[in-house]
Amino acid sequence: MASTIRGSDNFDSGSVGPPTSLGAVGTYALLNWNTTTARTEGTTISGSSLRYANAGDYSPSSIAGYRNSSPSGTWRLMGVVGYYSGSATITNPAYYNSVFVRIS
């Protein structure tokens, strides 16, 4: 099926597509929120409470994979943190890594 393209559309524009700069509004990041409470998807949090993380680490030290830097802005949790099997809250920091999206 052919697409109709209006004469004013510019598909060569550098502004087309989602943002890709680290920490920009609309970008996603794998972050650690080492909270003492389990949190569910949709929860919002200040970036100052988050740290950049990796997918295979469980130690809270910066040497083992957590950064000392925090992202700016407000972020929305796109998964869950602190849950195991959907019910038991656990304290292992590895279970506090999740995907977040920056919303402001």
N, C-alpha and C. Protein backbone atom coordinates (compact mmCIF):
# COMPACT_ATOMS: atom_id res chain seq x y z
N MET A 1 0.84 -1.16 0.00
CA MET A 1 0.00 0.00 0.00
C MET A 1 0.89 1.23 0.00
N ALA A 2 0.66 2.12 -0.91
CA ALA A 2 1.46 3.33 -1.05
C ALA A 2 1.05 4.36 -0.01
N SER A 3 2.01 5.16 0.43
CA SER A 3 1.74 6.25 1.37
C SER A 3 1.66 7.56 0.60
N THR A 4 0.78 8.43 1.03
CA THR A 4 0.69 9.75 0.45
C THR A 4 1.53 10.70 1.29
N ILE A 5 2.41 11.41 0.63
CA ILE A 5 3.29 12.35 1.32
C ILE A 5 2.93 13.76 0.89
N ARG A 6 2.65 14.61 1.88
CA ARG A 6 2.35 16.01 1.58
C ARG A 6 3.64 16.71 1.19
N GLY A 7 3.52 17.72 0.37
CA GLY A 7 4.69 18.48 -0.08
C GLY A 7 5.44 19.17 1.03
N SER A 8 4.79 19.43 2.17
CA SER A 8 5.46 20.15 3.26
C SER A 8 6.18 19.21 4.22
N ASP A 9 6.02 17.90 4.08
CA ASP A 9 6.71 16.96 4.97
C ASP A 9 8.19 16.92 4.62
N ASN A 10 9.03 16.90 5.64
CA ASN A 10 10.46 16.85 5.43
C ASN A 10 11.01 15.67 6.23
N PHE A 11 11.22 14.55 5.57
CA PHE A 11 11.69 13.35 6.25
C PHE A 11 13.20 13.31 6.41
N ASP A 12 13.88 14.34 5.92
CA ASP A 12 15.33 14.42 6.09
C ASP A 12 15.71 15.28 7.29
N SER A 13 14.74 15.78 8.02
CA SER A 13 14.99 16.68 9.14
C SER A 13 15.67 15.94 10.28
N GLY A 14 16.64 16.59 10.91
CA GLY A 14 17.31 16.02 12.06
C GLY A 14 16.43 15.98 13.29
N SER A 15 15.30 16.67 13.27
CA SER A 15 14.43 16.70 14.43
C SER A 15 13.39 15.59 14.42
N VAL A 16 13.39 14.78 13.38
CA VAL A 16 12.43 13.68 13.31
C VAL A 16 12.94 12.53 14.16
N GLY A 17 12.07 11.94 14.97
CA GLY A 17 12.44 10.80 15.80
C GLY A 17 12.57 11.18 17.26
N PRO A 18 12.70 10.18 18.10
CA PRO A 18 12.79 10.41 19.54
C PRO A 18 14.15 11.00 19.93
N PRO A 19 14.23 11.62 21.10
CA PRO A 19 15.51 12.15 21.57
C PRO A 19 16.48 11.00 21.88
N THR A 20 17.75 11.27 21.70
CA THR A 20 18.76 10.24 21.98
C THR A 20 19.87 10.73 22.91
N SER A 21 19.80 11.97 23.37
CA SER A 21 20.80 12.48 24.30
C SER A 21 20.56 11.88 25.68
N LEU A 22 21.62 11.47 26.35
CA LEU A 22 21.50 10.88 27.68
C LEU A 22 20.75 11.82 28.61
N GLY A 23 19.69 11.33 29.22
CA GLY A 23 18.94 12.09 30.20
C GLY A 23 17.94 13.08 29.66
N ALA A 24 17.77 13.16 28.34
CA ALA A 24 16.80 14.09 27.77
C ALA A 24 15.38 13.62 28.07
N VAL A 25 14.45 14.57 28.15
CA VAL A 25 13.04 14.22 28.35
C VAL A 25 12.62 13.29 27.22
N GLY A 26 11.96 12.20 27.58
CA GLY A 26 11.53 11.20 26.60
C GLY A 26 12.48 10.04 26.43
N THR A 27 13.66 10.11 27.06
CA THR A 27 14.61 9.00 26.95
C THR A 27 14.40 8.00 28.09
N TYR A 28 14.88 6.80 27.86
CA TYR A 28 14.80 5.72 28.84
C TYR A 28 16.18 5.43 29.38
N ALA A 29 16.23 4.92 30.60
CA ALA A 29 17.51 4.53 31.20
C ALA A 29 17.29 3.38 32.17
N LEU A 30 18.31 2.55 32.31
CA LEU A 30 18.31 1.51 33.33
C LEU A 30 18.91 2.13 34.58
N LEU A 31 18.08 2.26 35.61
CA LEU A 31 18.48 2.98 36.82
C LEU A 31 18.22 2.13 38.06
N ASN A 32 18.92 2.46 39.12
CA ASN A 32 18.73 1.80 40.41
C ASN A 32 18.04 2.78 41.35
N TRP A 33 16.97 2.31 41.97
CA TRP A 33 16.25 3.08 42.99
C TRP A 33 16.27 2.24 44.24
N ASN A 34 17.29 2.41 45.05
CA ASN A 34 17.44 1.58 46.23
C ASN A 34 16.56 2.13 47.36
N THR A 35 15.28 1.93 47.19
CA THR A 35 14.29 2.36 48.16
C THR A 35 14.04 1.24 49.16
N THR A 36 13.46 1.55 50.28
CA THR A 36 13.14 0.51 51.26
C THR A 36 11.74 -0.05 51.06
N THR A 37 11.06 0.44 50.04
CA THR A 37 9.69 0.02 49.77
C THR A 37 9.59 -0.49 48.33
N ALA A 38 8.88 -1.56 48.11
CA ALA A 38 8.63 -2.04 46.75
C ALA A 38 7.79 -1.00 46.02
N ARG A 39 8.08 -0.79 44.75
CA ARG A 39 7.36 0.20 43.94
C ARG A 39 6.86 -0.45 42.67
N THR A 40 5.71 0.01 42.19
CA THR A 40 5.12 -0.54 40.99
C THR A 40 5.24 0.42 39.82
N GLU A 41 4.98 -0.12 38.64
CA GLU A 41 5.05 0.65 37.41
C GLU A 41 4.17 1.90 37.49
N GLY A 42 4.67 2.98 36.88
CA GLY A 42 3.94 4.23 36.86
C GLY A 42 4.32 5.20 37.95
N THR A 43 5.04 4.75 38.97
CA THR A 43 5.47 5.61 40.07
C THR A 43 6.47 6.64 39.54
N THR A 44 6.37 7.89 39.98
CA THR A 44 7.33 8.91 39.57
C THR A 44 8.27 9.24 40.72
N ILE A 45 9.50 9.64 40.35
CA ILE A 45 10.54 9.89 41.34
C ILE A 45 11.53 10.91 40.78
N SER A 46 12.09 11.71 41.66
CA SER A 46 13.12 12.66 41.28
C SER A 46 14.39 11.91 40.89
N GLY A 47 15.07 12.40 39.88
CA GLY A 47 16.31 11.78 39.45
C GLY A 47 17.38 11.75 40.53
N SER A 48 17.30 12.67 41.50
CA SER A 48 18.30 12.70 42.57
C SER A 48 18.25 11.45 43.45
N SER A 49 17.15 10.68 43.39
CA SER A 49 17.03 9.44 44.16
C SER A 49 17.44 8.21 43.36
N LEU A 50 17.87 8.40 42.13
CA LEU A 50 18.23 7.30 41.23
C LEU A 50 19.71 7.31 40.92
N ARG A 51 20.22 6.16 40.50
CA ARG A 51 21.61 6.03 40.05
C ARG A 51 21.61 5.19 38.79
N TYR A 52 22.53 5.50 37.87
CA TYR A 52 22.69 4.66 36.69
C TYR A 52 23.15 3.28 37.12
N ALA A 53 22.66 2.23 36.46
CA ALA A 53 22.95 0.86 36.87
C ALA A 53 23.26 -0.01 35.65
N ASN A 54 23.59 -1.26 35.91
CA ASN A 54 23.73 -2.23 34.82
C ASN A 54 22.85 -3.43 35.11
N ALA A 55 22.74 -4.32 34.16
CA ALA A 55 21.78 -5.41 34.26
C ALA A 55 22.29 -6.62 35.02
N GLY A 56 23.57 -6.69 35.30
CA GLY A 56 24.08 -7.91 35.90
C GLY A 56 24.71 -7.75 37.26
N ASP A 57 24.47 -6.66 37.92
CA ASP A 57 25.16 -6.37 39.17
C ASP A 57 24.21 -6.39 40.35
N TYR A 58 24.73 -6.71 41.51
CA TYR A 58 23.89 -6.68 42.69
C TYR A 58 24.56 -5.99 43.87
N SER A 59 25.70 -5.36 43.65
CA SER A 59 26.38 -4.65 44.72
C SER A 59 26.12 -3.16 44.61
N PRO A 60 25.81 -2.47 45.71
CA PRO A 60 25.52 -1.05 45.63
C PRO A 60 26.73 -0.14 45.51
N SER A 61 27.94 -0.69 45.47
CA SER A 61 29.11 0.18 45.37
C SER A 61 29.31 0.64 43.94
N SER A 62 29.87 1.83 43.78
CA SER A 62 30.09 2.38 42.44
C SER A 62 31.11 1.54 41.66
N ILE A 63 32.02 0.87 42.34
CA ILE A 63 33.02 0.05 41.67
C ILE A 63 32.36 -1.13 40.97
N ALA A 64 31.30 -1.66 41.53
CA ALA A 64 30.68 -2.87 41.01
C ALA A 64 29.60 -2.60 39.96
N GLY A 65 29.40 -1.37 39.57
CA GLY A 65 28.47 -1.14 38.48
C GLY A 65 27.48 -0.03 38.69
N TYR A 66 27.33 0.48 39.87
CA TYR A 66 26.45 1.61 40.10
C TYR A 66 27.25 2.88 40.04
N ARG A 67 26.72 3.86 39.35
CA ARG A 67 27.40 5.14 39.22
C ARG A 67 27.06 6.02 40.41
N ASN A 68 27.95 6.91 40.76
CA ASN A 68 27.66 7.88 41.80
C ASN A 68 26.82 9.03 41.27
N SER A 69 26.69 9.12 39.95
CA SER A 69 25.94 10.22 39.36
C SER A 69 24.45 9.88 39.27
N SER A 70 23.65 10.93 39.43
CA SER A 70 22.19 10.80 39.32
C SER A 70 21.73 11.56 38.09
N PRO A 71 20.69 11.07 37.43
CA PRO A 71 20.14 11.82 36.30
C PRO A 71 19.33 13.01 36.81
N SER A 72 19.19 14.02 35.98
CA SER A 72 18.37 15.18 36.32
C SER A 72 16.90 14.89 36.03
N GLY A 73 16.02 15.73 36.56
CA GLY A 73 14.61 15.69 36.19
C GLY A 73 13.77 14.72 36.99
N THR A 74 12.57 14.48 36.46
CA THR A 74 11.61 13.56 37.06
C THR A 74 11.47 12.35 36.15
N TRP A 75 11.43 11.17 36.75
CA TRP A 75 11.42 9.91 36.00
C TRP A 75 10.22 9.07 36.40
N ARG A 76 9.70 8.28 35.46
CA ARG A 76 8.60 7.35 35.72
C ARG A 76 9.13 5.93 35.62
N LEU A 77 8.81 5.14 36.62
CA LEU A 77 9.19 3.74 36.67
C LEU A 77 8.36 2.96 35.66
N MET A 78 9.03 2.24 34.78
CA MET A 78 8.34 1.49 33.73
C MET A 78 8.28 0.00 34.04
N GLY A 79 8.79 -0.41 35.17
CA GLY A 79 8.73 -1.81 35.61
C GLY A 79 8.35 -1.82 37.08
N VAL A 80 8.97 -2.68 37.84
CA VAL A 80 8.77 -2.71 39.29
C VAL A 80 10.13 -2.79 39.95
N VAL A 81 10.22 -2.38 41.22
CA VAL A 81 11.44 -2.55 42.00
C VAL A 81 11.07 -3.13 43.35
N GLY A 82 11.93 -4.01 43.85
CA GLY A 82 11.75 -4.56 45.19
C GLY A 82 10.77 -5.70 45.30
N TYR A 83 10.38 -6.31 44.19
CA TYR A 83 9.44 -7.43 44.24
C TYR A 83 10.14 -8.72 43.84
N TYR A 84 9.70 -9.79 44.44
CA TYR A 84 10.12 -11.11 44.02
C TYR A 84 8.87 -11.96 43.95
N SER A 85 8.62 -12.59 42.85
CA SER A 85 7.40 -13.37 42.62
C SER A 85 6.14 -12.54 42.82
N GLY A 86 6.26 -11.24 42.65
CA GLY A 86 5.10 -10.38 42.69
C GLY A 86 4.55 -10.05 44.05
N SER A 87 5.13 -10.58 45.12
CA SER A 87 4.53 -10.29 46.42
C SER A 87 5.54 -10.01 47.53
N ALA A 88 6.59 -10.79 47.65
CA ALA A 88 7.51 -10.63 48.77
C ALA A 88 8.50 -9.50 48.50
N THR A 89 8.55 -8.53 49.38
CA THR A 89 9.52 -7.46 49.25
C THR A 89 10.88 -7.98 49.70
N ILE A 90 11.91 -7.69 48.92
CA ILE A 90 13.25 -8.16 49.24
C ILE A 90 14.21 -6.98 49.31
N THR A 91 15.37 -7.21 49.88
CA THR A 91 16.31 -6.12 50.09
C THR A 91 17.54 -6.18 49.20
N ASN A 92 17.70 -7.19 48.37
CA ASN A 92 18.84 -7.30 47.48
C ASN A 92 18.80 -6.14 46.48
N PRO A 93 19.85 -5.29 46.42
CA PRO A 93 19.84 -4.13 45.54
C PRO A 93 19.64 -4.47 44.06
N ALA A 94 19.95 -5.70 43.64
CA ALA A 94 19.76 -6.07 42.23
C ALA A 94 18.29 -5.98 41.83
N TYR A 95 17.39 -6.15 42.78
CA TYR A 95 15.97 -6.10 42.47
C TYR A 95 15.42 -4.68 42.47
N TYR A 96 16.30 -3.70 42.60
CA TYR A 96 15.89 -2.30 42.56
C TYR A 96 16.35 -1.62 41.28
N ASN A 97 16.85 -2.40 40.31
CA ASN A 97 17.18 -1.89 38.99
C ASN A 97 15.96 -2.04 38.11
N SER A 98 15.65 -1.02 37.33
CA SER A 98 14.54 -1.13 36.40
C SER A 98 14.71 -0.07 35.31
N VAL A 99 13.81 -0.12 34.35
CA VAL A 99 13.78 0.87 33.28
C VAL A 99 12.91 2.04 33.72
N PHE A 100 13.42 3.25 33.49
CA PHE A 100 12.71 4.48 33.79
C PHE A 100 12.68 5.34 32.54
N VAL A 101 11.66 6.19 32.41
CA VAL A 101 11.58 7.17 31.33
C VAL A 101 11.55 8.56 31.96
N ARG A 102 12.30 9.48 31.38
CA ARG A 102 12.31 10.85 31.91
C ARG A 102 11.07 11.57 31.39
N ILE A 103 10.30 12.14 32.33
CA ILE A 103 9.05 12.81 31.95
C ILE A 103 9.12 14.32 32.08
N SER A 104 10.08 14.84 32.81
CA SER A 104 10.27 16.30 32.87
C SER A 104 11.65 16.62 33.43
